[in-house]
Structures are given as structure tokens and as C-alpha cells.
Amino acid sequence: MRPVWLVGFPTSQYNEDVKAVASAAGLRIVDAKFKANFSESDLASNPPSLTKIGEKKKRKPRKKAAKVSDSE
């Protein structure tokens, strides 16, 4: 039996093609609301990450630019 990947439904809310990602990783997609029906051994140990449509990726903070002195 393939490991279970718990995903918040609907899957259309994600940028990635959830079915293709699951297929490539050999995982079975199940709505996250059914988590109580599975034991820890049934769940995928390292599931792929997903980004929601419109969600911005976390960026590193920008470095502050040094101020230029106008005293010259």
C-alpha cells in the first residue's frame, strides 16, 4: 500500500499539479480532514510541499542600503 499524503482540499487551490506530484512521489492523496483515520505508519514520512495560488514565497530580508552623505 502506498503511503498517504494528507492534503487540504480542494487541490485546485495549489500552484502545483497535486495529482502529478503525488504520482511522481508514489503517494496516495487523502483529504487532511481524515487524518484521524490513519496511523503514523500509514502517512508519508517526507511529503512534498505545496504553495497556494496567490501565496508569496518567503524571501530573505533585504539588506539596508548604506546612506550616501551629501556633505561634499
PDB file of N, CA and C in Angstrom:
ATOM      1  N   MET A   1       0.839  -1.183   0.000  1.00  0.00           N
ATOM      2  CA  MET A   1       0.000   0.000   0.000  1.00  0.00           C
ATOM      3  C   MET A   1       0.884   1.246   0.000  1.00  0.00           C
ATOM      4  N   ARG A   2       0.530   2.216  -0.834  1.00  0.00           N
ATOM      5  CA  ARG A   2       1.319   3.449  -0.945  1.00  0.00           C
ATOM      6  C   ARG A   2       1.112   4.330   0.292  1.00  0.00           C
ATOM      7  N   PRO A   3       2.134   5.079   0.673  1.00  0.00           N
ATOM      8  CA  PRO A   3       1.996   5.998   1.796  1.00  0.00           C
ATOM      9  C   PRO A   3       0.940   7.072   1.493  1.00  0.00           C
ATOM     10  N   VAL A   4       0.286   7.541   2.544  1.00  0.00           N
ATOM     11  CA  VAL A   4      -0.785   8.536   2.414  1.00  0.00           C
ATOM     12  C   VAL A   4      -0.215   9.935   2.553  1.00  0.00           C
ATOM     13  N   TRP A   5      -0.608  10.802   1.634  1.00  0.00           N
ATOM     14  CA  TRP A   5      -0.222  12.214   1.670  1.00  0.00           C
ATOM     15  C   TRP A   5      -1.472  13.007   2.006  1.00  0.00           C
ATOM     16  N   LEU A   6      -1.502  13.605   3.182  1.00  0.00           N
ATOM     17  CA  LEU A   6      -2.651  14.399   3.615  1.00  0.00           C
ATOM     18  C   LEU A   6      -2.546  15.794   3.020  1.00  0.00           C
ATOM     19  N   VAL A   7      -3.559  16.169   2.233  1.00  0.00           N
ATOM     20  CA  VAL A   7      -3.565  17.452   1.537  1.00  0.00           C
ATOM     21  C   VAL A   7      -4.892  18.146   1.826  1.00  0.00           C
ATOM     22  N   GLY A   8      -4.836  19.443   2.105  1.00  0.00           N
ATOM     23  CA  GLY A   8      -6.061  20.219   2.284  1.00  0.00           C
ATOM     24  C   GLY A   8      -6.792  20.361   0.959  1.00  0.00           C
ATOM     25  N   PHE A   9      -8.044  19.988   0.955  1.00  0.00           N
ATOM     26  CA  PHE A   9      -8.839  20.065  -0.276  1.00  0.00           C
ATOM     27  C   PHE A   9      -9.552  21.396  -0.350  1.00  0.00           C
ATOM     28  N   PRO A  10      -9.899  21.914  -1.497  1.00  0.00           N
ATOM     29  CA  PRO A  10      -9.737  21.335  -2.822  1.00  0.00           C
ATOM     30  C   PRO A  10      -8.299  21.477  -3.312  1.00  0.00           C
ATOM     31  N   THR A  11      -7.869  20.545  -4.124  1.00  0.00           N
ATOM     32  CA  THR A  11      -6.495  20.567  -4.616  1.00  0.00           C
ATOM     33  C   THR A  11      -6.283  21.654  -5.664  1.00  0.00           C
ATOM     34  N   SER A  12      -7.361  22.240  -6.146  1.00  0.00           N
ATOM     35  CA  SER A  12      -7.238  23.315  -7.142  1.00  0.00           C
ATOM     36  C   SER A  12      -6.702  24.606  -6.530  1.00  0.00           C
ATOM     37  N   GLN A  13      -6.575  24.653  -5.207  1.00  0.00           N
ATOM     38  CA  GLN A  13      -6.069  25.856  -4.549  1.00  0.00           C
ATOM     39  C   GLN A  13      -4.543  25.963  -4.574  1.00  0.00           C
ATOM     40  N   TYR A  14      -3.885  24.960  -5.148  1.00  0.00           N
ATOM     41  CA  TYR A  14      -2.426  24.941  -5.162  1.00  0.00           C
ATOM     42  C   TYR A  14      -1.859  25.253  -6.544  1.00  0.00           C
ATOM     43  N   ASN A  15      -0.678  25.848  -6.556  1.00  0.00           N
ATOM     44  CA  ASN A  15       0.018  26.147  -7.811  1.00  0.00           C
ATOM     45  C   ASN A  15       0.444  24.863  -8.525  1.00  0.00           C
ATOM     46  N   GLU A  16       0.824  23.870  -7.767  1.00  0.00           N
ATOM     47  CA  GLU A  16       1.335  22.632  -8.332  1.00  0.00           C
ATOM     48  C   GLU A  16       0.186  21.705  -8.750  1.00  0.00           C
ATOM     49  N   ASP A  17       0.478  20.810  -9.679  1.00  0.00           N
ATOM     50  CA  ASP A  17      -0.478  19.770 -10.063  1.00  0.00           C
ATOM     51  C   ASP A  17      -0.340  18.665  -9.012  1.00  0.00           C
ATOM     52  N   VAL A  18      -1.247  18.659  -8.051  1.00  0.00           N
ATOM     53  CA  VAL A  18      -1.141  17.769  -6.899  1.00  0.00           C
ATOM     54  C   VAL A  18      -1.131  16.298  -7.323  1.00  0.00           C
ATOM     55  N   LYS A  19      -1.967  15.939  -8.275  1.00  0.00           N
ATOM     56  CA  LYS A  19      -2.016  14.540  -8.727  1.00  0.00           C
ATOM     57  C   LYS A  19      -0.694  14.112  -9.345  1.00  0.00           C
ATOM     58  N   ALA A  20      -0.102  14.978 -10.146  1.00  0.00           N
ATOM     59  CA  ALA A  20       1.176  14.649 -10.789  1.00  0.00           C
ATOM     60  C   ALA A  20       2.294  14.526  -9.757  1.00  0.00           C
ATOM     61  N   VAL A  21       2.295  15.420  -8.777  1.00  0.00           N
ATOM     62  CA  VAL A  21       3.322  15.378  -7.722  1.00  0.00           C
ATOM     63  C   VAL A  21       3.189  14.089  -6.915  1.00  0.00           C
ATOM     64  N   ALA A  22       1.957  13.735  -6.570  1.00  0.00           N
ATOM     65  CA  ALA A  22       1.714  12.517  -5.792  1.00  0.00           C
ATOM     66  C   ALA A  22       2.113  11.279  -6.586  1.00  0.00           C
ATOM     67  N   SER A  23       1.767  11.258  -7.849  1.00  0.00           N
ATOM     68  CA  SER A  23       2.100  10.122  -8.697  1.00  0.00           C
ATOM     69  C   SER A  23       3.611   9.951  -8.812  1.00  0.00           C
ATOM     70  N   ALA A  24       4.325  11.054  -9.016  1.00  0.00           N
ATOM     71  CA  ALA A  24       5.784  11.007  -9.141  1.00  0.00           C
ATOM     72  C   ALA A  24       6.451  10.534  -7.853  1.00  0.00           C
ATOM     73  N   ALA A  25       5.844  10.878  -6.712  1.00  0.00           N
ATOM     74  CA  ALA A  25       6.418  10.505  -5.421  1.00  0.00           C
ATOM     75  C   ALA A  25       5.897   9.157  -4.915  1.00  0.00           C
ATOM     76  N   GLY A  26       4.940   8.557  -5.632  1.00  0.00           N
ATOM     77  CA  GLY A  26       4.384   7.275  -5.206  1.00  0.00           C
ATOM     78  C   GLY A  26       3.490   7.389  -3.994  1.00  0.00           C
ATOM     79  N   LEU A  27       2.736   8.488  -3.900  1.00  0.00           N
ATOM     80  CA  LEU A  27       1.878   8.735  -2.745  1.00  0.00           C
ATOM     81  C   LEU A  27       0.401   8.681  -3.113  1.00  0.00           C
ATOM     82  N   ARG A  28      -0.436   8.421  -2.120  1.00  0.00           N
ATOM     83  CA  ARG A  28      -1.885   8.425  -2.291  1.00  0.00           C
ATOM     84  C   ARG A  28      -2.427   9.683  -1.628  1.00  0.00           C
ATOM     85  N   ILE A  29      -3.218  10.469  -2.343  1.00  0.00           N
ATOM     86  CA  ILE A  29      -3.756  11.726  -1.832  1.00  0.00           C
ATOM     87  C   ILE A  29      -5.031  11.455  -1.034  1.00  0.00           C
ATOM     88  N   VAL A  30      -5.085  12.029   0.181  1.00  0.00           N
ATOM     89  CA  VAL A  30      -6.274  11.938   1.022  1.00  0.00           C
ATOM     90  C   VAL A  30      -6.498  13.312   1.636  1.00  0.00           C
ATOM     91  N   ASP A  31      -7.766  13.712   1.726  1.00  0.00           N
ATOM     92  CA  ASP A  31      -8.108  14.993   2.337  1.00  0.00           C
ATOM     93  C   ASP A  31      -7.610  15.012   3.784  1.00  0.00           C
ATOM     94  N   ALA A  32      -6.978  16.100   4.169  1.00  0.00           N
ATOM     95  CA  ALA A  32      -6.370  16.231   5.500  1.00  0.00           C
ATOM     96  C   ALA A  32      -7.393  16.107   6.630  1.00  0.00           C
ATOM     97  N   LYS A  33      -8.673  16.340   6.344  1.00  0.00           N
ATOM     98  CA  LYS A  33      -9.679  16.239   7.410  1.00  0.00           C
ATOM     99  C   LYS A  33      -9.872  14.796   7.890  1.00  0.00           C
ATOM    100  N   PHE A  34      -9.336  13.834   7.151  1.00  0.00           N
ATOM    101  CA  PHE A  34      -9.443  12.426   7.538  1.00  0.00           C
ATOM    102  C   PHE A  34      -8.194  11.907   8.239  1.00  0.00           C
ATOM    103  N   LYS A  35      -7.387  12.792   8.763  1.00  0.00           N
ATOM    104  CA  LYS A  35      -6.125  12.407   9.402  1.00  0.00           C
ATOM    105  C   LYS A  35      -6.326  11.391  10.529  1.00  0.00           C
ATOM    106  N   ALA A  36      -7.415  11.519  11.272  1.00  0.00           N
ATOM    107  CA  ALA A  36      -7.667  10.626  12.405  1.00  0.00           C
ATOM    108  C   ALA A  36      -7.875   9.171  11.970  1.00  0.00           C
ATOM    109  N   ASN A  37      -8.160   8.941  10.700  1.00  0.00           N
ATOM    110  CA  ASN A  37      -8.414   7.588  10.208  1.00  0.00           C
ATOM    111  C   ASN A  37      -7.139   6.818   9.858  1.00  0.00           C
ATOM    112  N   PHE A  38      -5.982   7.458   9.986  1.00  0.00           N
ATOM    113  CA  PHE A  38      -4.729   6.818   9.595  1.00  0.00           C
ATOM    114  C   PHE A  38      -3.742   6.812  10.761  1.00  0.00           C
ATOM    115  N   SER A  39      -2.939   5.764  10.815  1.00  0.00           N
ATOM    116  CA  SER A  39      -1.888   5.716  11.828  1.00  0.00           C
ATOM    117  C   SER A  39      -0.659   6.423  11.260  1.00  0.00           C
ATOM    118  N   GLU A  40       0.276   6.746  12.113  1.00  0.00           N
ATOM    119  CA  GLU A  40       1.504   7.427  11.684  1.00  0.00           C
ATOM    120  C   GLU A  40       2.270   6.591  10.663  1.00  0.00           C
ATOM    121  N   SER A  41       2.192   5.280  10.772  1.00  0.00           N
ATOM    122  CA  SER A  41       2.922   4.419   9.838  1.00  0.00           C
ATOM    123  C   SER A  41       2.311   4.448   8.434  1.00  0.00           C
ATOM    124  N   ASP A  42       1.034   4.841   8.315  1.00  0.00           N
ATOM    125  CA  ASP A  42       0.376   4.942   7.012  1.00  0.00           C
ATOM    126  C   ASP A  42       0.760   6.223   6.271  1.00  0.00           C
ATOM    127  N   LEU A  43       1.161   7.244   7.015  1.00  0.00           N
ATOM    128  CA  LEU A  43       1.422   8.562   6.434  1.00  0.00           C
ATOM    129  C   LEU A  43       2.802   8.643   5.793  1.00  0.00           C
ATOM    130  N   ALA A  44       2.902   9.483   4.775  1.00  0.00           N
ATOM    131  CA  ALA A  44       4.185   9.721   4.113  1.00  0.00           C
ATOM    132  C   ALA A  44       5.136  10.372   5.115  1.00  0.00           C
ATOM    133  N   SER A  45       6.367   9.890   5.155  1.00  0.00           N
ATOM    134  CA  SER A  45       7.332  10.410   6.128  1.00  0.00           C
ATOM    135  C   SER A  45       7.879  11.778   5.736  1.00  0.00           C
ATOM    136  N   ASN A  46       7.992  12.048   4.439  1.00  0.00           N
ATOM    137  CA  ASN A  46       8.528  13.327   3.977  1.00  0.00           C
ATOM    138  C   ASN A  46       7.712  13.799   2.766  1.00  0.00           C
ATOM    139  N   PRO A  47       6.481  14.293   3.012  1.00  0.00           N
ATOM    140  CA  PRO A  47       5.614  14.666   1.886  1.00  0.00           C
ATOM    141  C   PRO A  47       6.112  15.911   1.165  1.00  0.00           C
ATOM    142  N   PRO A  48       5.798  16.038  -0.126  1.00  0.00           N
ATOM    143  CA  PRO A  48       6.189  17.234  -0.889  1.00  0.00           C
ATOM    144  C   PRO A  48       5.493  18.475  -0.337  1.00  0.00           C
ATOM    145  N   SER A  49       6.086  19.625  -0.557  1.00  0.00           N
ATOM    146  CA  SER A  49       5.456  20.860  -0.102  1.00  0.00           C
ATOM    147  C   SER A  49       4.670  21.489  -1.243  1.00  0.00           C
ATOM    148  N   LEU A  50       3.609  22.200  -0.891  1.00  0.00           N
ATOM    149  CA  LEU A  50       2.745  22.853  -1.870  1.00  0.00           C
ATOM    150  C   LEU A  50       2.626  24.329  -1.533  1.00  0.00           C
ATOM    151  N   THR A  51       2.394  25.143  -2.557  1.00  0.00           N
ATOM    152  CA  THR A  51       2.142  26.567  -2.340  1.00  0.00           C
ATOM    153  C   THR A  51       0.758  26.894  -2.883  1.00  0.00           C
ATOM    154  N   LYS A  52       0.023  27.671  -2.118  1.00  0.00           N
ATOM    155  CA  LYS A  52      -1.321  28.055  -2.541  1.00  0.00           C
ATOM    156  C   LYS A  52      -1.237  29.130  -3.616  1.00  0.00           C
ATOM    157  N   ILE A  53      -2.237  29.158  -4.480  1.00  0.00           N
ATOM    158  CA  ILE A  53      -2.299  30.173  -5.526  1.00  0.00           C
ATOM    159  C   ILE A  53      -2.384  31.543  -4.865  1.00  0.00           C
ATOM    160  N   GLY A  54      -1.552  32.452  -5.309  1.00  0.00           N
ATOM    161  CA  GLY A  54      -1.525  33.798  -4.753  1.00  0.00           C
ATOM    162  C   GLY A  54      -0.659  33.937  -3.515  1.00  0.00           C
ATOM    163  N   GLU A  55      -0.168  32.839  -2.985  1.00  0.00           N
ATOM    164  CA  GLU A  55       0.693  32.880  -1.806  1.00  0.00           C
ATOM    165  C   GLU A  55       2.091  33.263  -2.247  1.00  0.00           C
ATOM    166  N   LYS A  56       2.656  34.239  -1.578  1.00  0.00           N
ATOM    167  CA  LYS A  56       4.005  34.662  -1.923  1.00  0.00           C
ATOM    168  C   LYS A  56       5.010  33.766  -1.234  1.00  0.00           C
ATOM    169  N   LYS A  57       6.065  33.463  -1.954  1.00  0.00           N
ATOM    170  CA  LYS A  57       7.135  32.668  -1.369  1.00  0.00           C
ATOM    171  C   LYS A  57       7.904  33.538  -0.387  1.00  0.00           C
ATOM    172  N   LYS A  58       8.371  32.916   0.679  1.00  0.00           N
ATOM    173  CA  LYS A  58       9.135  33.665   1.680  1.00  0.00           C
ATOM    174  C   LYS A  58      10.479  34.052   1.093  1.00  0.00           C
ATOM    175  N   ARG A  59      10.816  35.316   1.278  1.00  0.00           N
ATOM    176  CA  ARG A  59      12.103  35.808   0.786  1.00  0.00           C
ATOM    177  C   ARG A  59      12.992  36.173   1.955  1.00  0.00           C
ATOM    178  N   LYS A  60      14.273  36.236   1.633  1.00  0.00           N
ATOM    179  CA  LYS A  60      15.216  36.701   2.640  1.00  0.00           C
ATOM    180  C   LYS A  60      15.035  38.203   2.779  1.00  0.00           C
ATOM    181  N   PRO A  61      15.187  38.739   3.974  1.00  0.00           N
ATOM    182  CA  PRO A  61      15.045  40.186   4.136  1.00  0.00           C
ATOM    183  C   PRO A  61      16.114  40.937   3.356  1.00  0.00           C
ATOM    184  N   ARG A  62      15.732  42.079   2.821  1.00  0.00           N
ATOM    185  CA  ARG A  62      16.687  42.891   2.060  1.00  0.00           C
ATOM    186  C   ARG A  62      17.660  43.574   2.995  1.00  0.00           C
ATOM    187  N   LYS A  63      18.875  43.747   2.491  1.00  0.00           N
ATOM    188  CA  LYS A  63      19.867  44.482   3.257  1.00  0.00           C
ATOM    189  C   LYS A  63      19.602  45.959   3.062  1.00  0.00           C
ATOM    190  N   LYS A  64      19.747  46.709   4.121  1.00  0.00           N
ATOM    191  CA  LYS A  64      19.535  48.157   4.004  1.00  0.00           C
ATOM    192  C   LYS A  64      20.707  48.778   3.280  1.00  0.00           C
ATOM    193  N   ALA A  65      20.398  49.658   2.359  1.00  0.00           N
ATOM    194  CA  ALA A  65      21.456  50.336   1.599  1.00  0.00           C
ATOM    195  C   ALA A  65      22.140  51.372   2.495  1.00  0.00           C
ATOM    196  N   ALA A  66      23.422  51.509   2.272  1.00  0.00           N
ATOM    197  CA  ALA A  66      24.180  52.492   3.032  1.00  0.00           C
ATOM    198  C   ALA A  66      23.795  53.883   2.574  1.00  0.00           C
ATOM    199  N   LYS A  67      23.638  54.799   3.514  1.00  0.00           N
ATOM    200  CA  LYS A  67      23.262  56.173   3.160  1.00  0.00           C
ATOM    201  C   LYS A  67      24.460  56.903   2.573  1.00  0.00           C
ATOM    202  N   VAL A  68      24.203  57.691   1.554  1.00  0.00           N
ATOM    203  CA  VAL A  68      25.247  58.469   0.908  1.00  0.00           C
ATOM    204  C   VAL A  68      25.216  59.854   1.520  1.00  0.00           C
ATOM    205  N   SER A  69      26.370  60.320   1.923  1.00  0.00           N
ATOM    206  CA  SER A  69      26.453  61.634   2.554  1.00  0.00           C
ATOM    207  C   SER A  69      26.510  62.718   1.479  1.00  0.00           C
ATOM    208  N   ASP A  70      25.730  63.793   1.638  1.00  0.00           N
ATOM    209  CA  ASP A  70      25.729  64.917   0.703  1.00  0.00           C
ATOM    210  C   ASP A  70      26.590  66.077   1.186  1.00  0.00           C
ATOM    211  N   SER A  71      27.476  65.824   2.118  1.00  0.00           N
ATOM    212  CA  SER A  71      28.268  66.902   2.700  1.00  0.00           C
ATOM    213  C   SER A  71      29.438  67.351   1.818  1.00  0.00           C
ATOM    214  N   GLU A  72      29.672  66.731   0.723  1.00  0.00           N
ATOM    215  CA  GLU A  72      30.806  67.107  -0.148  1.00  0.00           C
ATOM    216  C   GLU A  72      30.497  68.274  -0.999  1.00  0.00           C
TER     217      GLU A  72
END
